[in-house]
Amino acid sequence: MPTPAGAHAALLPQLLDQLLIGVILADDQARPCYINRAARELLARHDGLEDSPAGLTAATVAQTRRLRHTVALLAAQDIDAPASAVRYLGLRRRAAHAAPLLVRLTALPGPPRGVAIFVTAPEHFQPVPREALTVAFGLTPREAALAGLLADGHELRDCARLLAMGEGTARNHLKHVFEKTVKHSQATLVATLCRMAGPCQ
């Protein structure tokens, strides 16, 4: 019978496979030792990030060097210094107009030392759940719909059109959203809602 720690360790890959964000655990040479389902699908597309015998590679030699340098740097970091144990990269894609892959790298404790790499293709972001906005901030369904559309990247005039309301009404709803979320600009509101949506991915 497995110990509780052994049972938890066996469950971890199954849980990571449920995430819609790519998770890669790599050594200090950027060689993966674990890749979750979303990351396997992303790597299979050969679009900005690949797994080669030498380790992870990006679309260009310069970006590959930067990625591997960042992995090595993080793997050597003191895990007790969290501010210095996280880095962000944007990796170019094959198509010139495609948004870059968003990569967050976090040092893992060792030995052996390693790095957790979280990879997201911006087009795979999930919409912000409207019901969660209603519950979390006390928004009305219309306010939640407006806030969600803003977080999904729509302009206010487009939100008004999609919700079949005048732009003045949309501005009034937005004012109420600011009051209820204690935000003072669309940028800070959208940033908050995107962070909120992160766990849902």
Protein backbone atom coordinates (compact mmCIF):
# COMPACT_ATOMS: atom_id res chain seq x y z
CA MET A 1 0.00 0.00 0.00
CA PRO A 2 1.49 3.39 -0.99
CA THR A 3 2.37 5.88 1.72
CA PRO A 4 0.45 9.17 1.72
CA ALA A 5 3.54 10.93 0.31
CA GLY A 6 3.87 8.25 -2.38
CA ALA A 7 0.17 8.53 -3.22
CA HIS A 8 0.47 12.32 -3.54
CA ALA A 9 3.52 11.96 -5.78
CA ALA A 10 1.61 9.53 -8.01
CA LEU A 11 -1.34 11.95 -8.24
CA LEU A 12 0.74 14.98 -9.17
CA PRO A 13 1.23 14.11 -12.88
CA GLN A 14 -2.49 13.39 -13.21
CA LEU A 15 -3.35 16.76 -11.66
CA LEU A 16 -0.83 18.63 -13.83
CA ASP A 17 -2.31 16.96 -16.92
CA GLN A 18 -5.66 18.60 -16.09
CA LEU A 19 -4.19 22.10 -16.49
CA LEU A 20 -4.67 24.00 -19.73
CA ILE A 21 -1.32 25.74 -19.24
CA GLY A 22 1.84 23.90 -20.29
CA VAL A 23 4.07 22.72 -17.44
CA ILE A 24 7.61 21.49 -18.05
CA LEU A 25 9.99 20.45 -15.27
CA ALA A 26 13.55 20.69 -16.53
CA ASP A 27 17.09 20.26 -15.23
CA ASP A 28 19.72 23.00 -15.26
CA GLN A 29 20.54 22.20 -18.91
CA ALA A 30 16.89 22.78 -19.98
CA ARG A 31 16.37 19.05 -20.53
CA PRO A 32 12.78 18.13 -19.58
CA CYS A 33 12.22 15.46 -16.95
CA TYR A 34 8.43 15.96 -16.95
CA ILE A 35 6.04 17.46 -19.52
CA ASN A 36 2.30 17.72 -18.88
CA ARG A 37 -0.35 17.09 -21.54
CA ALA A 38 -0.79 20.77 -22.54
CA ALA A 39 2.98 21.22 -22.91
CA ARG A 40 3.28 18.00 -24.97
CA GLU A 41 0.63 19.33 -27.36
CA LEU A 42 2.38 22.69 -27.57
CA LEU A 43 5.79 21.11 -28.23
CA ALA A 44 4.29 18.86 -30.91
CA ARG A 45 3.28 21.96 -32.91
CA HIS A 46 6.96 23.06 -33.21
CA ASP A 47 5.80 26.66 -32.91
CA GLY A 48 8.18 28.64 -30.70
CA LEU A 49 9.36 25.84 -28.42
CA GLU A 50 10.63 22.33 -29.12
CA ASP A 51 12.18 19.43 -27.22
CA SER A 52 15.44 18.27 -28.80
CA PRO A 53 18.05 15.74 -27.57
CA ALA A 54 20.09 18.73 -26.34
CA GLY A 55 17.14 20.15 -24.39
CA LEU A 56 14.48 22.76 -25.03
CA THR A 57 15.01 24.95 -28.08
CA ALA A 58 13.27 28.16 -29.16
CA ALA A 59 12.54 29.44 -32.67
CA THR A 60 15.94 31.12 -33.07
CA VAL A 61 19.49 30.44 -31.88
CA ALA A 62 19.49 33.69 -29.90
CA GLN A 63 16.23 32.85 -28.14
CA THR A 64 17.40 29.30 -27.43
CA ARG A 65 20.56 30.71 -25.84
CA ARG A 66 18.48 33.15 -23.77
CA LEU A 67 16.09 30.39 -22.65
CA ARG A 68 18.90 28.04 -21.63
CA HIS A 69 20.84 30.83 -19.91
CA THR A 70 17.73 31.74 -17.91
CA VAL A 71 17.15 28.09 -16.94
CA ALA A 72 20.78 27.69 -15.81
CA LEU A 73 20.66 30.98 -13.89
CA LEU A 74 17.45 30.01 -12.07
CA ALA A 75 18.67 26.49 -11.31
CA ALA A 76 21.67 28.05 -9.55
CA GLN A 77 19.50 30.51 -7.54
CA ASP A 78 18.88 30.27 -3.84
CA ILE A 79 15.30 28.98 -3.60
CA ASP A 80 14.82 31.07 -0.42
CA ALA A 81 15.03 34.28 -2.49
CA PRO A 82 11.64 34.12 -4.28
CA ALA A 83 11.94 37.51 -6.01
CA SER A 84 15.06 36.38 -7.86
CA ALA A 85 13.79 32.84 -8.45
CA VAL A 86 11.22 33.80 -11.13
CA ARG A 87 11.80 35.02 -14.69
CA TYR A 88 9.52 35.76 -17.66
CA LEU A 89 10.24 35.32 -21.37
CA GLY A 90 8.33 35.86 -24.59
CA LEU A 91 9.26 33.32 -27.28
CA ARG A 92 8.75 34.15 -30.95
CA ARG A 93 6.47 31.98 -33.04
CA ARG A 94 6.80 30.77 -36.65
CA ALA A 95 4.16 33.16 -37.99
CA ALA A 96 5.35 36.77 -37.93
CA HIS A 97 1.95 38.10 -36.75
CA ALA A 98 1.43 35.49 -33.99
CA ALA A 99 1.65 36.65 -30.38
CA PRO A 100 4.70 35.19 -28.60
CA LEU A 101 4.49 32.25 -26.24
CA LEU A 102 4.34 33.51 -22.67
CA VAL A 103 6.87 31.68 -20.48
CA ARG A 104 7.25 31.89 -16.70
CA LEU A 105 10.25 30.11 -15.20
CA THR A 106 10.51 29.31 -11.50
CA ALA A 107 13.39 27.73 -9.62
CA LEU A 108 12.71 24.35 -8.02
CA PRO A 109 14.38 23.13 -4.83
CA GLY A 110 17.00 20.41 -5.18
CA PRO A 111 19.19 18.55 -5.26
CA PRO A 112 19.26 18.15 -8.11
CA ARG A 113 18.27 21.71 -8.90
CA GLY A 114 15.74 22.31 -11.62
CA VAL A 115 13.26 24.74 -13.08
CA ALA A 116 9.49 24.69 -13.56
CA ILE A 117 8.55 26.23 -16.91
CA PHE A 118 4.95 27.38 -17.44
CA VAL A 119 4.08 28.03 -21.09
CA THR A 120 0.93 29.62 -22.48
CA ALA A 121 -0.05 30.48 -26.03
CA PRO A 122 -2.09 33.71 -25.72
CA GLU A 123 -4.74 32.41 -28.11
CA HIS A 124 -5.45 29.60 -25.63
CA PHE A 125 -6.36 31.90 -22.75
CA GLN A 126 -9.74 30.98 -21.34
CA PRO A 127 -12.47 33.61 -21.00
CA VAL A 128 -12.94 35.07 -17.54
CA PRO A 129 -15.86 33.18 -15.89
CA ARG A 130 -18.76 35.65 -15.57
CA GLU A 131 -20.33 33.79 -12.64
CA ALA A 132 -17.05 34.09 -10.71
CA LEU A 133 -17.03 37.86 -11.28
CA THR A 134 -20.58 38.13 -9.99
CA VAL A 135 -19.76 36.19 -6.82
CA ALA A 136 -16.31 37.68 -6.17
CA PHE A 137 -17.18 41.35 -6.68
CA GLY A 138 -20.96 41.52 -6.32
CA LEU A 139 -21.41 42.58 -9.94
CA THR A 140 -24.76 42.39 -11.67
CA PRO A 141 -24.91 39.98 -14.65
CA ARG A 142 -24.62 42.92 -17.10
CA GLU A 143 -21.65 44.40 -15.20
CA ALA A 144 -19.98 41.00 -15.10
CA ALA A 145 -20.55 40.54 -18.84
CA LEU A 146 -19.03 43.95 -19.55
CA ALA A 147 -16.02 43.31 -17.28
CA GLY A 148 -15.49 39.90 -18.85
CA LEU A 149 -15.54 41.29 -22.39
CA LEU A 150 -13.03 43.99 -21.40
CA ALA A 151 -10.75 41.32 -19.91
CA ASP A 152 -11.07 39.31 -23.13
CA GLY A 153 -9.58 42.28 -25.00
CA HIS A 154 -12.63 44.10 -26.41
CA GLU A 155 -12.86 47.89 -26.59
CA LEU A 156 -15.66 49.55 -24.60
CA ARG A 157 -17.60 50.52 -27.77
CA ASP A 158 -17.41 46.88 -28.96
CA CYS A 159 -18.60 45.67 -25.56
CA ALA A 160 -21.61 48.00 -25.81
CA ARG A 161 -22.45 46.66 -29.27
CA LEU A 162 -22.03 43.01 -28.21
CA LEU A 163 -24.24 43.57 -25.16
CA ALA A 164 -26.84 45.55 -27.19
CA MET A 165 -26.54 48.68 -25.07
CA GLY A 166 -25.56 52.27 -25.74
CA GLU A 167 -21.99 53.38 -25.13
CA GLY A 168 -23.21 55.74 -22.40
CA THR A 169 -24.90 52.83 -20.60
CA ALA A 170 -21.71 50.79 -20.95
CA ARG A 171 -19.70 53.66 -19.41
CA ASN A 172 -22.18 53.81 -16.53
CA HIS A 173 -21.84 50.04 -15.95
CA LEU A 174 -18.05 50.41 -16.11
CA LYS A 175 -18.20 53.12 -13.42
CA HIS A 176 -20.10 50.69 -11.16
CA VAL A 177 -17.56 47.95 -11.92
CA PHE A 178 -14.73 50.30 -10.89
CA GLU A 179 -16.55 51.11 -7.63
CA LYS A 180 -17.22 47.45 -6.78
CA THR A 181 -13.72 46.21 -7.68
CA VAL A 182 -11.99 49.27 -6.16
CA LYS A 183 -10.17 49.90 -9.44
CA HIS A 184 -9.69 53.26 -11.14
CA SER A 185 -8.80 52.39 -14.72
CA GLN A 186 -9.59 49.82 -17.37
CA ALA A 187 -5.93 48.69 -17.34
CA THR A 188 -5.90 47.85 -13.62
CA LEU A 189 -9.32 46.23 -13.88
CA VAL A 190 -8.25 44.03 -16.80
CA ALA A 191 -4.99 43.08 -15.04
CA THR A 192 -6.95 42.00 -11.95
CA LEU A 193 -9.45 39.98 -13.97
CA CYS A 194 -6.71 38.27 -15.99
CA ARG A 195 -4.93 37.26 -12.79
CA MET A 196 -8.25 35.94 -11.51
CA ALA A 197 -8.73 33.91 -14.69
CA GLY A 198 -5.27 32.34 -14.38
CA PRO A 199 -6.28 29.51 -12.01
CA CYS A 200 -9.18 28.66 -14.31
CA GLN A 201 -6.73 27.80 -17.05
